[in-house]
Every structure is written in structure tokens, then in C-alpha cells.
Amino acid sequence: MVMALQVTQKFIERDNFTSGGGFILVGFSDQPWLERILFVFILIFYLLTLMGNGTIILIAHLDSQLHTPMYFFLTHLSFIDLIHVTCISPQMLVNLGSADKSISFGGCVVQFLITLCLGTTECILLAMMAYDRYVAVCQPLHYFTLMPPQLCWALASISWFLGFGNSLVNTPITMTLPRCGHHRINHFYCEMPPVIQLACVDISNYRKGITILSSVFLIFPLSLILISYGRIVYSVLGVKAPGGRQKALGTCSSHLTVVFIFYSTLIYVYVTPKPKLSHDVTKFVALLYNLIPPVLNPIIYTLRNRDVKKSLKKLMIGKRKRKR
């Protein structure tokens, strides 16, 4: 975090000759009626994200029965979703609710740095979680032996290290590209694809590098997820009890639905050749991967879980007793 603040300060000092000031987030300013609808939509999803993910973090911390590898990774996922959505939603709400669409250079750098870091971290963490589910379903008797706390911390640390590394490398390069006075970002927050479009120099090699790096951070984890769930489905199909098989397949399909929304939309924006992308379509796709998964993750991964429901009941009963 200290390093991130130092990088931000460095960018602010260079702002006088790289951009000449802050930025204008164009968003959907040419469609005021749509902005009013999106304001309500984003506010609702933001509040649901805070409530759902905040609940997961709270009960996973307070209930010792949930101190398992699964909830360890889910806590990290919920924390990522909370910070990520909080980083962009308040700014989006301010811009949608007023005529002022500006964001300072420093604010844009912080937004860029945090969202790129958390987005990369989540891509990798979801692959780690898929492996955890594979071990839990296919090797249940050896689950805690194969997933000791040391390994869980190592896998989570790798996710965060790669996320921060990717962000700390690409944020300085992107934010210091010559823009020749261009400051209108055709998006609703500071994200890599629309920001690099402001560059007034040849960045074709940099674009190729971003595409390759994005492919690594997107395609490779997605492949691991599909392999893990493929093994899970294969194992579940061998279960004789129809009820247990149906429940397991239903859970897998729910997980894969969220994974599909998250990865397919990111691949569309970061890997698809840029001339084929429509600005309006890209903005709506960005809304999907920024707002939908953080709301669905708590519901699909935990809030339908019997253990979580028991933990919530314990917390509620405990609060009532303390009030009495």
C-alpha cells in the first residue's frame, strides 16, 4: 500500500507535462435518461455487494467451524469484491448523479492501480478456489491433508503477488503515455483499454504486450477452472445417490455460471482485437464484470450453504441474548 501511494505521488508530480490536469469520464453523458436508470441500478448493486460480502467476511471470521480452506478463499474473494466495487461505484454514482464528470489525475491513478491489481488477483484466486473444490469433492478423505493452512496461504499469496506485480508494472507505463492534451476517457472509470486510447504515439507493441499478458492471466486460470470442474463432474456422475448427484451438479453449474460471466466479459474487453469493439458495448460489458459477480458470489458460494445459514442463526440468536 505504501508503494502504491508513492507511485501515485510520482504520477501526480509528472501530471503537469503528461496530461495537463485531470480527466473527464464520459460514461453515458450523451444519454441522460440512461444515466438516471444506471444510477439506481448501480446503487442497488453496490449496497447488495456491501451487505453480501460483508456478511461472508464477518461470519467466516466469527464462526470457528467455518475456518476451513473453502471459507479462507471465499473471505479473500469477498474482500476483493468489496474493495473493487467500492473503488469504482462511488465515483460512478457521483458522475451519474451530477453534471460534473471529472476525476483528478491522482484519483484516476489510484482507481487504475487498485482495479487492475484486484481484477488480476481475482482471476488467479478463482482458479485456486476451483482446485480447492476439486480436492474437496474428489479427495474428501484427504482434504485437510492436501489443503493445509500453509498451502492455502501460499496460494492466496501468489494470487495477491501476481495481482500487485501486474498492476505496479502496467500502471506507470499506461498513466505516463503521452496524451497530447487528450483527457476525455470514453468510459465510466479509469480502466486500461479506454485510458490507453488517449495516447498520441504509436503503442501497437504495448497493445500486443497487454493482449499477451491478459491472455495469460485470463485463459490459463480459466483452463485450470474448467479442468477442475470437469474432474468434479466426472467424479459426481459416478455417485449412485440421485439426490446427491443432482445437488453437486447444481452447485457446479452455479459456480461455472459466475465464472463464465466474469471471464467471458473480461476476455471480450482485454483480448478481443480493439478495432472490433464498440465503446457503448464495451461499457455495458464492463458493467457486467464489475457489478454482477460481486453480487452473485456470496449467494452462489455461501449464502445457500447450510453451514452459513447455521452460522447466521447463531449470530442472530447471540445478538438477541445480549440485548436481553
Protein backbone atom coordinates (compact mmCIF):
# COMPACT_ATOMS: atom_id res chain seq x y z
CA MET A 1 0.00 0.00 0.00
CA VAL A 2 2.89 2.38 0.81
CA MET A 3 4.43 1.58 -2.55
CA ALA A 4 1.10 2.30 -4.26
CA LEU A 5 0.91 5.72 -2.58
CA GLN A 6 4.48 6.50 -3.61
CA VAL A 7 3.69 5.56 -7.21
CA THR A 8 0.56 7.75 -7.07
CA GLN A 9 2.59 10.72 -5.78
CA LYS A 10 5.14 10.21 -8.55
CA PHE A 11 2.37 10.29 -11.16
CA ILE A 12 0.86 13.43 -9.67
CA GLU A 13 4.21 15.18 -9.89
CA ARG A 14 4.51 14.22 -13.57
CA ASP A 15 0.93 15.26 -14.30
CA ASN A 16 1.88 18.81 -15.36
CA PHE A 17 3.63 17.63 -18.50
CA THR A 18 1.86 14.33 -19.24
CA SER A 19 -1.81 15.29 -19.11
CA GLY A 20 -2.19 18.93 -18.09
CA GLY A 21 -4.76 18.09 -15.41
CA GLY A 22 -7.41 15.53 -14.56
CA PHE A 23 -9.73 13.54 -16.77
CA ILE A 24 -13.34 13.63 -17.89
CA LEU A 25 -15.16 10.30 -17.57
CA VAL A 26 -17.58 10.49 -20.49
CA GLY A 27 -19.58 7.44 -19.42
CA PHE A 28 -23.13 7.74 -20.71
CA SER A 29 -23.34 11.55 -20.60
CA ASP A 30 -24.86 11.68 -24.09
CA GLN A 31 -27.87 9.71 -22.75
CA PRO A 32 -29.17 11.45 -19.58
CA TRP A 33 -32.20 9.16 -19.32
CA LEU A 34 -29.89 6.13 -19.22
CA GLU A 35 -27.73 7.74 -16.55
CA ARG A 36 -30.75 8.05 -14.23
CA ILE A 37 -31.58 4.37 -14.69
CA LEU A 38 -27.97 3.31 -14.18
CA PHE A 39 -27.69 5.43 -11.02
CA VAL A 40 -30.46 3.41 -9.34
CA PHE A 41 -29.17 0.14 -10.77
CA ILE A 42 -25.57 0.71 -9.60
CA LEU A 43 -26.65 1.97 -6.15
CA ILE A 44 -28.73 -1.16 -5.55
CA PHE A 45 -25.96 -3.48 -6.69
CA TYR A 46 -23.39 -1.60 -4.60
CA LEU A 47 -25.47 -1.93 -1.43
CA LEU A 48 -26.13 -5.62 -2.12
CA THR A 49 -22.40 -6.18 -2.65
CA LEU A 50 -21.56 -4.50 0.66
CA MET A 51 -24.18 -6.50 2.53
CA GLY A 52 -23.48 -9.90 0.96
CA ASN A 53 -19.69 -9.84 1.01
CA GLY A 54 -19.55 -8.08 4.36
CA THR A 55 -21.71 -10.86 5.83
CA ILE A 56 -19.41 -13.56 4.44
CA ILE A 57 -16.29 -11.92 5.91
CA LEU A 58 -17.98 -11.41 9.28
CA ILE A 59 -19.35 -14.92 9.79
CA ALA A 60 -16.20 -16.59 8.41
CA HIS A 61 -14.19 -14.65 10.99
CA LEU A 62 -16.51 -15.19 13.96
CA ASP A 63 -17.53 -18.83 13.49
CA SER A 64 -14.66 -21.24 14.14
CA GLN A 65 -16.49 -24.01 12.26
CA LEU A 66 -16.00 -22.00 9.07
CA HIS A 67 -12.23 -21.80 9.49
CA THR A 68 -11.72 -24.16 6.54
CA PRO A 69 -9.82 -23.76 3.24
CA MET A 70 -13.06 -23.10 1.36
CA TYR A 71 -14.06 -20.15 3.54
CA PHE A 72 -10.46 -18.94 3.72
CA PHE A 73 -10.50 -18.41 -0.06
CA LEU A 74 -14.06 -17.07 0.00
CA THR A 75 -13.03 -14.44 2.53
CA HIS A 76 -10.30 -13.27 0.18
CA LEU A 77 -12.76 -13.25 -2.72
CA SER A 78 -15.30 -11.24 -0.73
CA PHE A 79 -12.61 -8.76 0.36
CA ILE A 80 -11.52 -8.31 -3.27
CA ASP A 81 -15.09 -7.73 -4.43
CA LEU A 82 -15.76 -5.24 -1.62
CA ILE A 83 -12.68 -3.14 -2.33
CA HIS A 84 -13.04 -3.36 -6.11
CA VAL A 85 -16.67 -2.21 -6.16
CA THR A 86 -16.01 0.49 -3.54
CA CYS A 87 -13.15 1.78 -5.67
CA ILE A 88 -15.37 2.47 -8.70
CA SER A 89 -19.04 2.65 -7.61
CA PRO A 90 -18.99 5.89 -5.51
CA GLN A 91 -17.22 7.75 -8.33
CA MET A 92 -19.69 6.32 -10.84
CA LEU A 93 -22.64 7.41 -8.70
CA VAL A 94 -21.24 10.94 -8.36
CA ASN A 95 -20.69 11.23 -12.11
CA LEU A 96 -24.08 9.75 -12.97
CA GLY A 97 -25.91 11.98 -10.48
CA SER A 98 -24.38 15.30 -11.49
CA ALA A 99 -23.14 17.28 -14.47
CA ASP A 100 -19.56 17.05 -13.19
CA LYS A 101 -17.87 14.06 -14.86
CA SER A 102 -14.32 14.89 -13.81
CA ILE A 103 -11.81 12.83 -11.87
CA SER A 104 -8.42 14.06 -10.70
CA PHE A 105 -5.25 12.61 -12.13
CA GLY A 106 -4.31 11.15 -8.74
CA GLY A 107 -7.80 9.68 -8.32
CA CYS A 108 -7.58 8.08 -11.75
CA VAL A 109 -4.17 6.57 -10.96
CA VAL A 110 -5.43 5.09 -7.68
CA GLN A 111 -8.53 3.70 -9.39
CA PHE A 112 -6.45 2.24 -12.21
CA LEU A 113 -3.88 0.75 -9.81
CA ILE A 114 -6.41 -0.87 -7.47
CA THR A 115 -8.84 -2.22 -10.07
CA LEU A 116 -6.08 -3.74 -12.20
CA CYS A 117 -4.50 -5.35 -9.13
CA LEU A 118 -7.76 -6.75 -7.77
CA GLY A 119 -9.01 -7.89 -11.18
CA THR A 120 -5.82 -9.88 -11.79
CA THR A 121 -5.84 -11.27 -8.26
CA GLU A 122 -9.45 -12.45 -8.61
CA CYS A 123 -8.72 -14.21 -11.91
CA ILE A 124 -6.00 -16.27 -10.26
CA LEU A 125 -7.85 -16.76 -6.96
CA LEU A 126 -10.86 -18.27 -8.74
CA ALA A 127 -8.54 -20.92 -10.20
CA MET A 128 -7.20 -21.65 -6.69
CA MET A 129 -10.78 -21.99 -5.43
CA ALA A 130 -11.63 -24.40 -8.24
CA TYR A 131 -8.68 -26.57 -7.24
CA ASP A 132 -9.89 -26.45 -3.62
CA ARG A 133 -13.34 -27.66 -4.71
CA TYR A 134 -11.75 -30.41 -6.79
CA VAL A 135 -9.83 -31.71 -3.76
CA ALA A 136 -12.92 -31.44 -1.53
CA VAL A 137 -15.14 -33.44 -3.92
CA CYS A 138 -12.69 -35.89 -5.45
CA GLN A 139 -10.40 -36.45 -2.42
CA PRO A 140 -12.71 -35.83 0.57
CA LEU A 141 -10.87 -38.16 2.97
CA HIS A 142 -7.56 -36.39 2.34
CA TYR A 143 -8.98 -32.87 2.02
CA PHE A 144 -7.34 -31.31 5.08
CA THR A 145 -4.09 -33.16 4.39
CA LEU A 146 -3.92 -31.92 0.79
CA MET A 147 -5.08 -28.40 1.70
CA PRO A 148 -3.17 -27.46 4.88
CA PRO A 149 -3.22 -23.83 6.09
CA GLN A 150 0.34 -23.27 4.82
CA LEU A 151 -0.67 -24.22 1.27
CA CYS A 152 -3.80 -22.04 1.42
CA TRP A 153 -1.75 -19.03 2.48
CA ALA A 154 0.81 -19.77 -0.23
CA LEU A 155 -1.84 -19.97 -2.96
CA ALA A 156 -3.55 -16.79 -1.77
CA SER A 157 -0.18 -15.00 -1.52
CA ILE A 158 0.67 -16.00 -5.11
CA SER A 159 -2.64 -14.53 -6.28
CA TRP A 160 -2.01 -11.22 -4.50
CA PHE A 161 1.66 -11.07 -5.55
CA LEU A 162 0.84 -11.54 -9.23
CA GLY A 163 -2.02 -9.05 -8.98
CA PHE A 164 0.14 -6.35 -7.41
CA GLY A 165 3.01 -7.14 -9.75
CA ASN A 166 0.87 -6.79 -12.86
CA SER A 167 -0.59 -3.52 -11.60
CA LEU A 168 2.70 -1.97 -10.47
CA VAL A 169 4.25 -2.71 -13.86
CA ASN A 170 1.42 -1.56 -16.13
CA THR A 171 0.06 1.41 -14.17
CA PRO A 172 3.21 3.57 -14.52
CA ILE A 173 3.57 2.71 -18.21
CA THR A 174 -0.07 3.41 -19.06
CA MET A 175 -0.52 6.56 -16.99
CA THR A 176 2.67 8.22 -18.30
CA LEU A 177 1.96 7.66 -22.01
CA PRO A 178 1.99 10.97 -23.95
CA ARG A 179 -1.62 12.10 -24.45
CA CYS A 180 -1.11 15.45 -26.22
CA GLY A 181 -3.78 17.11 -24.07
CA HIS A 182 -6.41 14.40 -24.54
CA HIS A 183 -8.30 13.96 -21.28
CA ARG A 184 -11.75 12.59 -22.17
CA ILE A 185 -11.93 8.91 -21.19
CA ASN A 186 -14.78 7.22 -23.04
CA HIS A 187 -15.69 5.08 -20.05
CA PHE A 188 -17.18 5.39 -16.56
CA TYR A 189 -13.97 4.69 -14.64
CA CYS A 190 -10.21 4.59 -15.28
CA GLU A 191 -9.64 1.21 -16.91
CA MET A 192 -6.74 0.17 -19.12
CA PRO A 193 -8.37 -0.16 -22.61
CA PRO A 194 -10.04 3.29 -22.67
CA VAL A 195 -7.10 5.02 -20.97
CA ILE A 196 -4.50 3.81 -23.47
CA GLN A 197 -6.75 5.06 -26.30
CA LEU A 198 -5.80 8.60 -25.23
CA ALA A 199 -2.17 8.01 -26.22
CA CYS A 200 -0.97 10.12 -29.17
CA VAL A 201 2.05 7.92 -30.01
CA ASP A 202 2.39 4.50 -31.59
CA ILE A 203 1.64 1.95 -28.86
CA SER A 204 0.99 -1.09 -31.07
CA ASN A 205 3.77 -3.09 -29.38
CA TYR A 206 2.43 -2.16 -25.95
CA ARG A 207 -1.06 -3.26 -27.01
CA LYS A 208 0.33 -6.61 -28.14
CA GLY A 209 2.08 -6.99 -24.80
CA ILE A 210 -1.15 -6.23 -22.92
CA THR A 211 -3.06 -8.75 -25.03
CA ILE A 212 -0.46 -11.46 -24.38
CA LEU A 213 -0.33 -10.72 -20.64
CA SER A 214 -4.13 -10.58 -20.42
CA SER A 215 -4.37 -13.92 -22.20
CA VAL A 216 -2.01 -15.46 -19.64
CA PHE A 217 -3.95 -14.08 -16.65
CA LEU A 218 -7.34 -14.97 -18.18
CA ILE A 219 -7.02 -18.06 -20.38
CA PHE A 220 -4.65 -20.03 -18.14
CA PRO A 221 -6.70 -19.70 -14.90
CA LEU A 222 -9.91 -20.34 -16.87
CA SER A 223 -8.39 -23.54 -18.30
CA LEU A 224 -7.49 -24.71 -14.78
CA ILE A 225 -11.03 -23.96 -13.61
CA LEU A 226 -12.60 -25.93 -16.46
CA ILE A 227 -10.24 -28.87 -15.88
CA SER A 228 -11.01 -28.88 -12.14
CA TYR A 229 -14.77 -28.75 -12.62
CA GLY A 230 -14.53 -31.30 -15.43
CA ARG A 231 -12.92 -33.73 -12.97
CA ILE A 232 -15.56 -32.84 -10.38
CA VAL A 233 -18.42 -33.54 -12.81
CA TYR A 234 -16.80 -36.81 -13.85
CA SER A 235 -16.48 -37.84 -10.20
CA VAL A 236 -20.04 -36.77 -9.35
CA LEU A 237 -21.54 -38.73 -12.24
CA GLY A 238 -20.21 -41.87 -10.55
CA VAL A 239 -22.25 -41.15 -7.41
CA LYS A 240 -25.11 -43.62 -7.08
CA ALA A 241 -27.43 -41.42 -5.00
CA PRO A 242 -29.50 -39.31 -7.47
CA GLY A 243 -30.17 -36.57 -4.89
CA GLY A 244 -26.50 -36.04 -4.08
CA ARG A 245 -25.56 -36.10 -7.76
CA GLN A 246 -28.21 -33.53 -8.65
CA LYS A 247 -27.20 -31.22 -5.80
CA ALA A 248 -23.50 -31.40 -6.72
CA LEU A 249 -24.16 -30.76 -10.40
CA GLY A 250 -26.43 -27.83 -9.49
CA THR A 251 -23.66 -26.31 -7.36
CA CYS A 252 -21.09 -26.79 -10.15
CA SER A 253 -23.38 -25.18 -12.72
CA SER A 254 -23.94 -22.19 -10.42
CA HIS A 255 -20.21 -21.71 -9.90
CA LEU A 256 -19.50 -22.03 -13.62
CA THR A 257 -22.23 -19.50 -14.46
CA VAL A 258 -20.47 -16.80 -12.43
CA VAL A 259 -17.09 -17.87 -13.83
CA PHE A 260 -18.47 -17.64 -17.38
CA ILE A 261 -19.84 -14.11 -16.82
CA PHE A 262 -16.60 -12.91 -15.24
CA TYR A 263 -14.07 -14.41 -17.65
CA SER A 264 -16.03 -14.10 -20.91
CA THR A 265 -16.65 -10.38 -20.41
CA LEU A 266 -13.02 -9.72 -19.43
CA ILE A 267 -11.76 -11.69 -22.44
CA TYR A 268 -14.09 -9.66 -24.66
CA VAL A 269 -12.60 -6.37 -23.44
CA TYR A 270 -8.93 -7.29 -22.94
CA VAL A 271 -8.23 -9.98 -25.54
CA THR A 272 -10.62 -9.20 -28.42
CA PRO A 273 -8.96 -7.08 -31.17
CA LYS A 274 -9.71 -3.44 -30.30
CA PRO A 275 -10.98 -2.18 -33.71
CA LYS A 276 -13.90 -4.59 -33.39
CA LEU A 277 -15.04 -3.17 -30.05
CA SER A 278 -17.89 -0.68 -29.77
CA HIS A 279 -17.46 1.90 -26.99
CA ASP A 280 -21.06 1.55 -25.79
CA VAL A 281 -20.93 -2.25 -25.89
CA THR A 282 -17.60 -2.23 -24.03
CA LYS A 283 -19.07 -0.02 -21.29
CA PHE A 284 -22.05 -2.31 -20.79
CA VAL A 285 -19.79 -5.36 -20.75
CA ALA A 286 -17.63 -3.63 -18.13
CA LEU A 287 -20.74 -3.09 -16.02
CA LEU A 288 -21.38 -6.84 -16.17
CA TYR A 289 -17.99 -7.97 -14.85
CA ASN A 290 -17.76 -5.15 -12.30
CA LEU A 291 -21.23 -5.43 -10.76
CA ILE A 292 -22.77 -8.86 -11.39
CA PRO A 293 -20.13 -11.31 -9.97
CA PRO A 294 -19.64 -9.40 -6.66
CA VAL A 295 -23.38 -9.71 -6.01
CA LEU A 296 -23.72 -13.33 -7.15
CA ASN A 297 -20.57 -14.71 -5.49
CA PRO A 298 -21.91 -14.55 -1.89
CA ILE A 299 -25.27 -16.02 -2.96
CA ILE A 300 -23.89 -18.88 -5.02
CA TYR A 301 -20.82 -19.79 -2.99
CA THR A 302 -22.07 -19.43 0.56
CA LEU A 303 -25.44 -17.90 1.40
CA ARG A 304 -27.20 -21.01 0.07
CA ASN A 305 -24.87 -23.18 2.14
CA ARG A 306 -26.29 -24.97 5.16
CA ASP A 307 -23.23 -24.20 7.33
CA VAL A 308 -23.51 -20.49 6.58
CA LYS A 309 -27.21 -20.47 7.44
CA LYS A 310 -26.42 -22.09 10.78
CA SER A 311 -23.73 -19.50 11.46
CA LEU A 312 -26.12 -16.66 10.66
CA LYS A 313 -28.70 -18.13 13.04
CA LYS A 314 -26.06 -18.38 15.79
CA LEU A 315 -25.10 -14.74 15.30
CA MET A 316 -28.72 -13.60 15.35
CA ILE A 317 -29.53 -15.65 18.49
CA GLY A 318 -26.38 -14.35 20.18
CA LYS A 319 -27.34 -10.74 19.47
CA ARG A 320 -30.85 -11.27 20.88
CA LYS A 321 -29.45 -12.79 24.07
CA ARG A 322 -27.05 -9.88 24.58
CA LYS A 323 -29.90 -7.40 24.13
CA ARG A 324 -31.91 -9.16 26.82
